[in-house]
C-alpha cells in the first residue's frame, strides 16, 4: 500500500496482472484486467481516510470500512 501525499491518493496492488482499463466508483478507481479481475485500487482524497486508518485493527475491519466495488 502506498500513499502519495502530493496527489492525496492511497493505492494498493491487490493482484498481479496487466491492467486493461479502470472503473471509477465514488472516490475509488479500480484498475482491472481484460477478464475484469481487480489489479489495483486507488482511493482519491485519501487524507480523509488516512486519519482513520490507524484505528482499524485488522484487514477484516478495513474491508468492512470500504464500500464494495
N, C-alpha and C. Protein backbone atom coordinates (compact mmCIF):
# COMPACT_ATOMS: atom_id res chain seq x y z
N UNK A 1 0.85 -1.16 0.00
CA UNK A 1 0.00 0.00 0.00
C UNK A 1 0.90 1.23 0.00
N UNK A 2 0.59 2.18 -0.85
CA UNK A 2 1.38 3.40 -0.96
C UNK A 2 0.47 4.62 -0.86
N UNK A 3 1.00 5.65 -0.20
CA UNK A 3 0.27 6.91 -0.11
C UNK A 3 1.11 7.99 -0.76
N UNK A 4 0.53 8.72 -1.70
CA UNK A 4 1.17 9.85 -2.36
C UNK A 4 0.56 11.12 -1.80
N UNK A 5 1.26 11.80 -0.87
CA UNK A 5 0.67 12.98 -0.24
C UNK A 5 0.46 14.15 -1.22
N UNK A 6 1.28 14.25 -2.25
CA UNK A 6 1.12 15.34 -3.21
C UNK A 6 -0.17 15.18 -4.01
N UNK A 7 -0.46 13.96 -4.43
CA UNK A 7 -1.69 13.69 -5.19
C UNK A 7 -2.85 13.36 -4.27
N UNK A 8 -2.55 13.08 -2.99
CA UNK A 8 -3.54 12.69 -1.98
C UNK A 8 -4.28 11.42 -2.42
N UNK A 9 -3.47 10.44 -2.88
CA UNK A 9 -4.02 9.17 -3.35
C UNK A 9 -3.37 8.02 -2.60
N UNK A 10 -4.20 7.11 -2.11
CA UNK A 10 -3.75 5.88 -1.49
C UNK A 10 -3.98 4.78 -2.52
N UNK A 11 -2.95 4.00 -2.81
CA UNK A 11 -3.12 2.93 -3.80
C UNK A 11 -2.54 1.64 -3.27
N UNK A 12 -3.18 0.56 -3.68
CA UNK A 12 -2.64 -0.75 -3.32
C UNK A 12 -2.93 -1.75 -4.41
N UNK A 13 -1.88 -2.55 -4.68
CA UNK A 13 -1.97 -3.61 -5.68
C UNK A 13 -2.55 -4.83 -4.98
N UNK A 14 -3.66 -5.34 -5.50
CA UNK A 14 -4.30 -6.47 -4.84
C UNK A 14 -4.10 -7.77 -5.61
N UNK A 15 -3.57 -7.68 -6.84
CA UNK A 15 -3.28 -8.87 -7.63
C UNK A 15 -2.23 -8.51 -8.67
N UNK A 16 -1.55 -9.52 -9.17
CA UNK A 16 -0.59 -9.32 -10.26
C UNK A 16 -1.34 -9.45 -11.58
N UNK A 17 -0.91 -8.71 -12.57
CA UNK A 17 -1.52 -8.81 -13.88
C UNK A 17 -1.42 -7.51 -14.64
N UNK A 18 -1.82 -7.55 -15.89
CA UNK A 18 -1.78 -6.38 -16.75
C UNK A 18 -3.12 -5.64 -16.66
N UNK A 19 -3.05 -4.34 -16.44
CA UNK A 19 -4.25 -3.52 -16.35
C UNK A 19 -4.75 -3.21 -17.75
N UNK A 20 -6.03 -3.43 -17.97
CA UNK A 20 -6.66 -3.16 -19.25
C UNK A 20 -7.44 -1.85 -19.24
N UNK A 21 -8.18 -1.62 -18.16
CA UNK A 21 -8.97 -0.39 -18.05
C UNK A 21 -9.29 -0.13 -16.58
N UNK A 22 -9.96 0.99 -16.32
CA UNK A 22 -10.27 1.36 -14.95
C UNK A 22 -11.73 1.78 -14.85
N UNK A 23 -12.30 1.54 -13.68
CA UNK A 23 -13.67 1.96 -13.37
C UNK A 23 -13.63 2.85 -12.15
N UNK A 24 -14.33 3.97 -12.22
CA UNK A 24 -14.40 4.89 -11.07
C UNK A 24 -15.69 4.61 -10.32
N UNK A 25 -15.54 4.39 -9.01
CA UNK A 25 -16.68 4.12 -8.13
C UNK A 25 -16.55 5.07 -6.94
N UNK A 26 -17.29 6.16 -6.96
CA UNK A 26 -17.16 7.14 -5.89
C UNK A 26 -15.75 7.69 -5.85
N UNK A 27 -15.10 7.61 -4.68
CA UNK A 27 -13.72 8.09 -4.52
C UNK A 27 -12.70 7.01 -4.82
N UNK A 28 -13.09 5.93 -5.44
CA UNK A 28 -12.19 4.83 -5.76
C UNK A 28 -12.06 4.66 -7.26
N UNK A 29 -10.86 4.32 -7.70
CA UNK A 29 -10.61 3.92 -9.07
C UNK A 29 -10.10 2.50 -9.01
N UNK A 30 -10.81 1.59 -9.66
CA UNK A 30 -10.45 0.18 -9.66
C UNK A 30 -9.91 -0.15 -11.04
N UNK A 31 -8.63 -0.51 -11.10
CA UNK A 31 -7.97 -0.90 -12.34
C UNK A 31 -8.13 -2.41 -12.49
N UNK A 32 -8.61 -2.83 -13.65
CA UNK A 32 -8.93 -4.25 -13.85
C UNK A 32 -8.26 -4.80 -15.10
N UNK A 33 -8.14 -6.13 -15.14
CA UNK A 33 -7.59 -6.84 -16.29
C UNK A 33 -8.66 -6.98 -17.36
N UNK A 34 -8.29 -7.52 -18.52
CA UNK A 34 -9.27 -7.77 -19.59
C UNK A 34 -10.38 -8.69 -19.10
N UNK A 35 -10.05 -9.61 -18.19
CA UNK A 35 -11.03 -10.55 -17.65
C UNK A 35 -11.90 -9.93 -16.56
N UNK A 36 -11.64 -8.67 -16.21
CA UNK A 36 -12.43 -7.99 -15.18
C UNK A 36 -11.91 -8.22 -13.77
N UNK A 37 -10.72 -8.79 -13.63
CA UNK A 37 -10.14 -9.05 -12.31
C UNK A 37 -9.50 -7.76 -11.78
N UNK A 38 -9.86 -7.33 -10.56
CA UNK A 38 -9.24 -6.14 -9.98
C UNK A 38 -7.74 -6.34 -9.77
N UNK A 39 -6.95 -5.39 -10.21
CA UNK A 39 -5.50 -5.45 -10.09
C UNK A 39 -4.98 -4.40 -9.10
N UNK A 40 -5.50 -3.18 -9.22
CA UNK A 40 -5.02 -2.06 -8.42
C UNK A 40 -6.22 -1.21 -8.01
N UNK A 41 -6.20 -0.75 -6.77
CA UNK A 41 -7.26 0.14 -6.28
C UNK A 41 -6.61 1.44 -5.82
N UNK A 42 -7.18 2.55 -6.25
CA UNK A 42 -6.73 3.86 -5.82
C UNK A 42 -7.86 4.56 -5.08
N UNK A 43 -7.53 5.21 -4.00
CA UNK A 43 -8.50 5.98 -3.24
C UNK A 43 -8.15 7.46 -3.38
N UNK A 44 -9.08 8.23 -3.92
CA UNK A 44 -8.89 9.67 -4.06
C UNK A 44 -9.25 10.36 -2.75
N UNK A 45 -8.69 11.54 -2.52
CA UNK A 45 -8.90 12.27 -1.26
C UNK A 45 -8.57 11.39 -0.06
N UNK A 46 -7.47 10.68 -0.15
CA UNK A 46 -7.11 9.68 0.84
C UNK A 46 -6.81 10.25 2.23
N UNK A 47 -6.46 11.51 2.32
CA UNK A 47 -6.13 12.08 3.62
C UNK A 47 -7.32 12.00 4.57
N UNK A 48 -8.51 12.03 4.03
CA UNK A 48 -9.71 11.87 4.87
C UNK A 48 -9.74 10.49 5.51
N UNK A 49 -9.24 9.50 4.77
CA UNK A 49 -9.22 8.13 5.26
C UNK A 49 -8.00 7.87 6.14
N UNK A 50 -6.85 8.43 5.79
CA UNK A 50 -5.60 8.14 6.49
C UNK A 50 -5.69 8.45 7.98
N UNK A 51 -6.43 9.46 8.34
CA UNK A 51 -6.60 9.79 9.76
C UNK A 51 -7.34 8.71 10.52
N UNK A 52 -8.15 7.93 9.82
CA UNK A 52 -8.91 6.85 10.45
C UNK A 52 -8.20 5.51 10.35
N UNK A 53 -7.21 5.39 9.46
CA UNK A 53 -6.56 4.11 9.18
C UNK A 53 -5.96 3.47 10.42
N UNK A 54 -5.33 4.27 11.29
CA UNK A 54 -4.69 3.70 12.47
C UNK A 54 -5.70 3.14 13.46
N UNK A 55 -6.96 3.48 13.31
CA UNK A 55 -7.99 2.96 14.19
C UNK A 55 -8.45 1.56 13.79
N UNK A 56 -8.17 1.18 12.53
CA UNK A 56 -8.56 -0.14 12.06
C UNK A 56 -7.52 -1.16 12.53
N UNK A 57 -7.97 -2.23 13.13
CA UNK A 57 -7.06 -3.19 13.74
C UNK A 57 -6.75 -4.38 12.84
N UNK A 58 -7.64 -4.73 11.94
CA UNK A 58 -7.45 -5.93 11.13
C UNK A 58 -7.84 -5.68 9.68
N UNK A 59 -7.42 -6.58 8.81
CA UNK A 59 -7.82 -6.50 7.41
C UNK A 59 -9.33 -6.63 7.29
N UNK A 60 -9.92 -7.45 8.13
CA UNK A 60 -11.38 -7.62 8.11
C UNK A 60 -12.06 -6.28 8.37
N UNK A 61 -11.58 -5.52 9.33
CA UNK A 61 -12.16 -4.22 9.63
C UNK A 61 -11.95 -3.26 8.46
N UNK A 62 -10.80 -3.35 7.80
CA UNK A 62 -10.52 -2.49 6.64
C UNK A 62 -11.51 -2.81 5.53
N UNK A 63 -11.75 -4.07 5.25
CA UNK A 63 -12.71 -4.45 4.21
C UNK A 63 -14.12 -3.97 4.56
N UNK A 64 -14.48 -4.02 5.81
CA UNK A 64 -15.80 -3.58 6.24
C UNK A 64 -15.93 -2.05 6.10
N UNK A 65 -14.81 -1.33 6.24
CA UNK A 65 -14.83 0.12 6.16
C UNK A 65 -14.94 0.63 4.73
N UNK A 66 -14.55 -0.20 3.75
CA UNK A 66 -14.57 0.21 2.35
C UNK A 66 -15.84 -0.28 1.68
N UNK A 67 -16.42 0.54 0.81
CA UNK A 67 -17.61 0.09 0.09
C UNK A 67 -17.23 -1.00 -0.91
N UNK A 68 -18.13 -1.91 -1.14
CA UNK A 68 -17.89 -2.98 -2.11
C UNK A 68 -17.88 -2.39 -3.51
N UNK A 69 -16.92 -2.83 -4.30
CA UNK A 69 -16.80 -2.32 -5.69
C UNK A 69 -17.45 -3.27 -6.66
